[in-house]
């Protein structure tokens, strides 16, 4: 069964949603039969990366609210993240355009480490205060994940995976996705937002049961007659 997750690295609820989904998946009996694919989504496509500005200032400007109100909103999310074992350091977070980070995720996907890259980028952004739009930062993260940094550098310089990011964004629009995180189960069921793990558990069970019922059978009730086996024995 396939689960597609539209997400943005700079979305605080996406990291929380990832943890709650993982809690549900960890206790799911058929978890080894689940394939996960992360899809790109840009919450602020026009955002210009500014290492000299903190995320409180960006949020205040973006939402046209006071700096104190912005800090209050971030404190609320920080407490929510702590409930699932995550540490958010918004005082260190750098407002950054996430487009190149999504290209990095598609590079990691090509080499079988997309889920690990998604986790590492979230931690880099929310906990460590790294600039996820910085080429050197992405190269160092690639090395941590045992990905080929030279191949990543070539890909980033050549504009590779740009179309993949755009395709994910266009697909989200076609599906009517207007916010993230957004979890799609076998293109039949969806969970929107950082729901509690119980919502993911219920959807996993329902979607997997229906998916499994549609799979070809691997064993049969057999009426036996004269035949020959692979060892050449006939009876």
Protein backbone atom coordinates (compact mmCIF):
# COMPACT_ATOMS: atom_id res chain seq x y z
CA UNK A 1 0.00 0.00 0.00
CA UNK A 2 1.29 3.44 -0.90
CA UNK A 3 1.05 6.59 1.19
CA UNK A 4 1.97 9.95 -0.32
CA UNK A 5 2.70 12.86 2.00
CA UNK A 6 2.66 16.44 0.78
CA UNK A 7 4.82 18.52 3.09
CA UNK A 8 7.03 21.60 3.34
CA UNK A 9 10.26 21.69 5.36
CA UNK A 10 9.40 25.06 6.90
CA UNK A 11 5.96 23.87 8.05
CA UNK A 12 6.04 23.25 11.83
CA UNK A 13 2.91 21.10 11.72
CA UNK A 14 4.45 18.87 9.05
CA UNK A 15 7.20 17.72 11.42
CA UNK A 16 4.64 17.13 14.17
CA UNK A 17 2.38 15.31 11.73
CA UNK A 18 5.30 13.14 10.66
CA UNK A 19 5.87 12.05 14.27
CA UNK A 20 2.20 11.30 14.90
CA UNK A 21 1.97 9.32 11.68
CA UNK A 22 5.10 7.38 12.64
CA UNK A 23 3.59 6.58 16.05
CA UNK A 24 0.58 5.04 14.30
CA UNK A 25 2.70 3.20 11.74
CA UNK A 26 4.97 1.72 14.42
CA UNK A 27 2.06 -0.21 15.92
CA UNK A 28 0.45 -1.14 12.59
CA UNK A 29 0.58 -4.90 12.03
CA UNK A 30 1.25 -4.61 8.30
CA UNK A 31 3.73 -1.73 8.41
CA UNK A 32 6.26 -3.62 6.28
CA UNK A 33 3.73 -3.56 3.46
CA UNK A 34 3.52 0.24 3.43
CA UNK A 35 5.44 2.36 0.92
CA UNK A 36 5.91 6.05 1.79
CA UNK A 37 6.62 8.80 -0.71
CA UNK A 38 7.19 12.44 0.28
CA UNK A 39 5.81 15.08 -2.06
CA UNK A 40 6.92 18.70 -2.38
CA UNK A 41 4.75 21.64 -1.36
CA UNK A 42 5.79 25.30 -1.04
CA UNK A 43 3.98 27.37 1.56
CA UNK A 44 5.89 30.54 0.66
CA UNK A 45 7.21 30.19 -2.89
CA UNK A 46 8.11 33.89 -3.09
CA UNK A 47 10.06 33.92 0.19
CA UNK A 48 13.60 35.26 -0.14
CA UNK A 49 16.06 33.57 2.19
CA UNK A 50 17.38 36.02 4.80
CA UNK A 51 19.88 34.69 7.39
CA UNK A 52 19.83 38.10 9.11
CA UNK A 53 16.13 37.85 9.98
CA UNK A 54 14.62 35.50 12.55
CA UNK A 55 11.45 33.50 12.08
CA UNK A 56 9.50 35.65 14.56
CA UNK A 57 10.13 38.73 12.44
CA UNK A 58 9.23 36.89 9.25
CA UNK A 59 5.96 35.59 10.71
CA UNK A 60 5.01 39.03 12.03
CA UNK A 61 5.56 40.58 8.59
CA UNK A 62 3.95 37.71 6.71
CA UNK A 63 0.76 37.73 8.80
CA UNK A 64 0.79 41.47 9.53
CA UNK A 65 0.75 40.93 13.29
CA UNK A 66 2.91 42.20 16.14
CA UNK A 67 6.22 40.60 17.04
CA UNK A 68 4.78 39.53 20.40
CA UNK A 69 1.84 37.84 18.69
CA UNK A 70 4.23 36.03 16.37
CA UNK A 71 6.31 34.80 19.29
CA UNK A 72 3.16 33.64 21.04
CA UNK A 73 2.13 31.60 18.00
CA UNK A 74 5.57 30.02 17.80
CA UNK A 75 5.55 29.25 21.54
CA UNK A 76 2.24 27.44 21.08
CA UNK A 77 3.67 25.29 18.29
CA UNK A 78 6.87 24.69 20.27
CA UNK A 79 4.84 23.24 23.14
CA UNK A 80 2.85 21.08 20.74
CA UNK A 81 6.08 19.75 19.22
CA UNK A 82 7.48 18.93 22.65
CA UNK A 83 4.51 16.63 23.28
CA UNK A 84 5.77 14.33 20.49
CA UNK A 85 9.43 14.59 21.53
CA UNK A 86 10.53 17.34 19.15
CA UNK A 87 12.61 20.40 20.03
CA UNK A 88 11.78 23.61 18.18
CA UNK A 89 14.24 26.49 18.51
CA UNK A 90 12.44 29.29 16.69
CA UNK A 91 14.91 31.86 18.01
CA UNK A 92 17.53 30.18 15.82
CA UNK A 93 15.36 29.29 12.79
CA UNK A 94 16.32 31.05 9.55
CA UNK A 95 13.54 32.09 7.16
CA UNK A 96 14.52 30.21 4.01
CA UNK A 97 12.98 29.39 0.67
CA UNK A 98 12.59 25.61 0.70
CA UNK A 99 12.69 24.97 -3.06
CA UNK A 100 16.29 23.73 -3.11
CA UNK A 101 15.65 21.60 -0.03
CA UNK A 102 12.86 19.89 -1.96
CA UNK A 103 15.24 19.29 -4.86
CA UNK A 104 17.58 17.67 -2.34
CA UNK A 105 14.71 15.43 -1.21
CA UNK A 106 14.15 14.25 -4.77
CA UNK A 107 17.87 13.55 -5.08
CA UNK A 108 17.68 11.49 -1.87
CA UNK A 109 14.60 9.70 -3.20
CA UNK A 110 16.55 8.66 -6.30
CA UNK A 111 19.13 7.07 -4.02
CA UNK A 112 16.67 5.40 -1.64
CA UNK A 113 16.97 7.77 1.34
CA UNK A 114 14.09 10.20 0.99
CA UNK A 115 12.52 9.51 4.39
CA UNK A 116 15.88 9.94 6.12
CA UNK A 117 16.48 13.19 4.24
CA UNK A 118 13.05 14.52 5.19
CA UNK A 119 13.74 13.87 8.87
CA UNK A 120 17.22 15.40 8.69
CA UNK A 121 15.98 18.57 6.99
CA UNK A 122 13.23 19.07 9.57
CA UNK A 123 15.75 18.77 12.40
CA UNK A 124 18.21 21.06 10.65
CA UNK A 125 15.58 23.75 10.22
CA UNK A 126 13.56 23.62 13.44
CA UNK A 127 16.13 22.41 15.97
CA UNK A 128 19.57 23.37 14.72
CA UNK A 129 18.82 26.67 13.01
CA UNK A 130 20.53 25.70 9.75
CA UNK A 131 19.91 27.51 6.48
CA UNK A 132 18.18 24.87 4.36
CA UNK A 133 18.56 27.04 1.25
CA UNK A 134 22.36 27.05 1.56
CA UNK A 135 24.22 24.78 -0.86
CA UNK A 136 26.99 23.93 1.63
CA UNK A 137 24.44 23.00 4.29
CA UNK A 138 22.71 20.59 1.90
CA UNK A 139 26.05 19.03 0.91
CA UNK A 140 26.96 18.43 4.56
CA UNK A 141 23.58 16.85 5.21
CA UNK A 142 24.10 14.60 2.19
CA UNK A 143 27.41 13.44 3.63
CA UNK A 144 25.73 12.66 6.97
CA UNK A 145 23.21 10.51 5.10
CA UNK A 146 26.03 8.78 3.19
CA UNK A 147 24.86 10.24 -0.10
CA UNK A 148 27.32 11.28 -2.80
CA UNK A 149 27.94 14.99 -2.17
CA UNK A 150 29.67 15.45 -5.51
CA UNK A 151 26.66 14.08 -7.38
CA UNK A 152 24.38 16.32 -5.32
CA UNK A 153 26.53 19.37 -6.12
CA UNK A 154 26.36 18.56 -9.83
CA UNK A 155 22.60 18.06 -9.65
CA UNK A 156 22.04 21.35 -7.83
CA UNK A 157 24.30 23.27 -10.23
CA UNK A 158 22.60 21.74 -13.27
CA UNK A 159 19.07 22.47 -12.08
CA UNK A 160 18.17 18.80 -11.75
CA UNK A 161 14.97 17.82 -9.90
CA UNK A 162 13.45 21.26 -10.48
CA UNK A 163 10.75 19.73 -12.64
CA UNK A 164 10.10 17.04 -10.03
CA UNK A 165 9.34 19.67 -7.40
CA UNK A 166 7.09 21.57 -9.77
CA UNK A 167 5.29 18.35 -10.74
CA UNK A 168 4.52 17.61 -7.07
CA UNK A 169 3.16 21.11 -6.56
CA UNK A 170 0.98 20.88 -9.67
CA UNK A 171 -0.28 17.46 -8.60
CA UNK A 172 -1.25 18.88 -5.22
CA UNK A 173 -3.27 21.59 -6.93
CA UNK A 174 -5.05 19.00 -9.08
CA UNK A 175 -5.96 17.01 -5.97
CA UNK A 176 -7.21 20.10 -4.19
CA UNK A 177 -4.49 20.13 -1.54
CA UNK A 178 -4.48 23.60 0.00
CA UNK A 179 -2.51 22.98 3.17
CA UNK A 180 0.10 20.62 4.59
CA UNK A 181 0.77 18.10 5.91
CA UNK A 182 -1.56 16.13 3.68
CA UNK A 183 -1.48 12.33 3.73
CA UNK A 184 -2.99 10.36 0.85
CA UNK A 185 -3.62 6.62 1.29
CA UNK A 186 -3.75 4.70 -2.00
CA UNK A 187 -5.35 7.71 -3.68
CA UNK A 188 -8.58 6.84 -1.88
CA UNK A 189 -8.38 8.24 1.64
CA UNK A 190 -6.72 11.36 3.00
CA UNK A 191 -5.75 12.82 6.37
CA UNK A 192 -5.26 16.57 6.46
CA UNK A 193 -3.11 18.24 9.08
CA UNK A 194 -1.16 17.01 12.09
CA UNK A 195 -3.96 14.80 13.40
CA UNK A 196 -3.62 12.66 16.49
CA UNK A 197 -2.08 9.26 15.88
CA UNK A 198 -5.47 7.55 16.32
CA UNK A 199 -6.72 9.18 13.10
CA UNK A 200 -3.76 7.76 11.22
CA UNK A 201 -4.26 4.33 12.77
CA UNK A 202 -7.90 4.21 11.71
CA UNK A 203 -7.11 5.30 8.17
CA UNK A 204 -4.20 2.87 7.88
CA UNK A 205 -6.41 -0.04 8.90
CA UNK A 206 -9.27 0.90 6.59
CA UNK A 207 -7.08 1.66 3.57
CA UNK A 208 -4.91 -1.43 4.00
CA UNK A 209 -7.90 -3.76 4.40
CA UNK A 210 -9.40 -2.51 1.14
CA UNK A 211 -6.04 -2.56 -0.65
CA UNK A 212 -5.32 -6.11 0.51
CA UNK A 213 -8.73 -7.31 -0.69
CA UNK A 214 -7.86 -6.16 -4.21
CA UNK A 215 -4.51 -7.97 -4.39
CA UNK A 216 -4.12 -11.18 -6.45
CA UNK A 217 -4.26 -14.32 -4.35
CA UNK A 218 -1.01 -16.24 -3.79
CA UNK A 219 -2.62 -19.47 -2.56
CA UNK A 220 -5.62 -21.37 -3.87
CA UNK A 221 -8.06 -24.12 -2.99
CA UNK A 222 -7.02 -26.74 -5.54
CA UNK A 223 -8.89 -29.66 -7.12
CA UNK A 224 -6.17 -32.14 -8.01
CA UNK A 225 -5.95 -34.40 -11.06
CA UNK A 226 -3.22 -36.15 -13.05
CA UNK A 227 -0.19 -33.92 -13.48
CA UNK A 228 3.59 -33.75 -13.68
CA UNK A 229 5.74 -31.90 -11.15
CA UNK A 230 8.98 -29.98 -11.61
CA UNK A 231 11.01 -33.08 -10.74
CA UNK A 232 9.53 -34.95 -13.69
CA UNK A 233 7.23 -37.13 -11.64
CA UNK A 234 3.86 -37.79 -13.25
CA UNK A 235 0.84 -39.37 -11.65
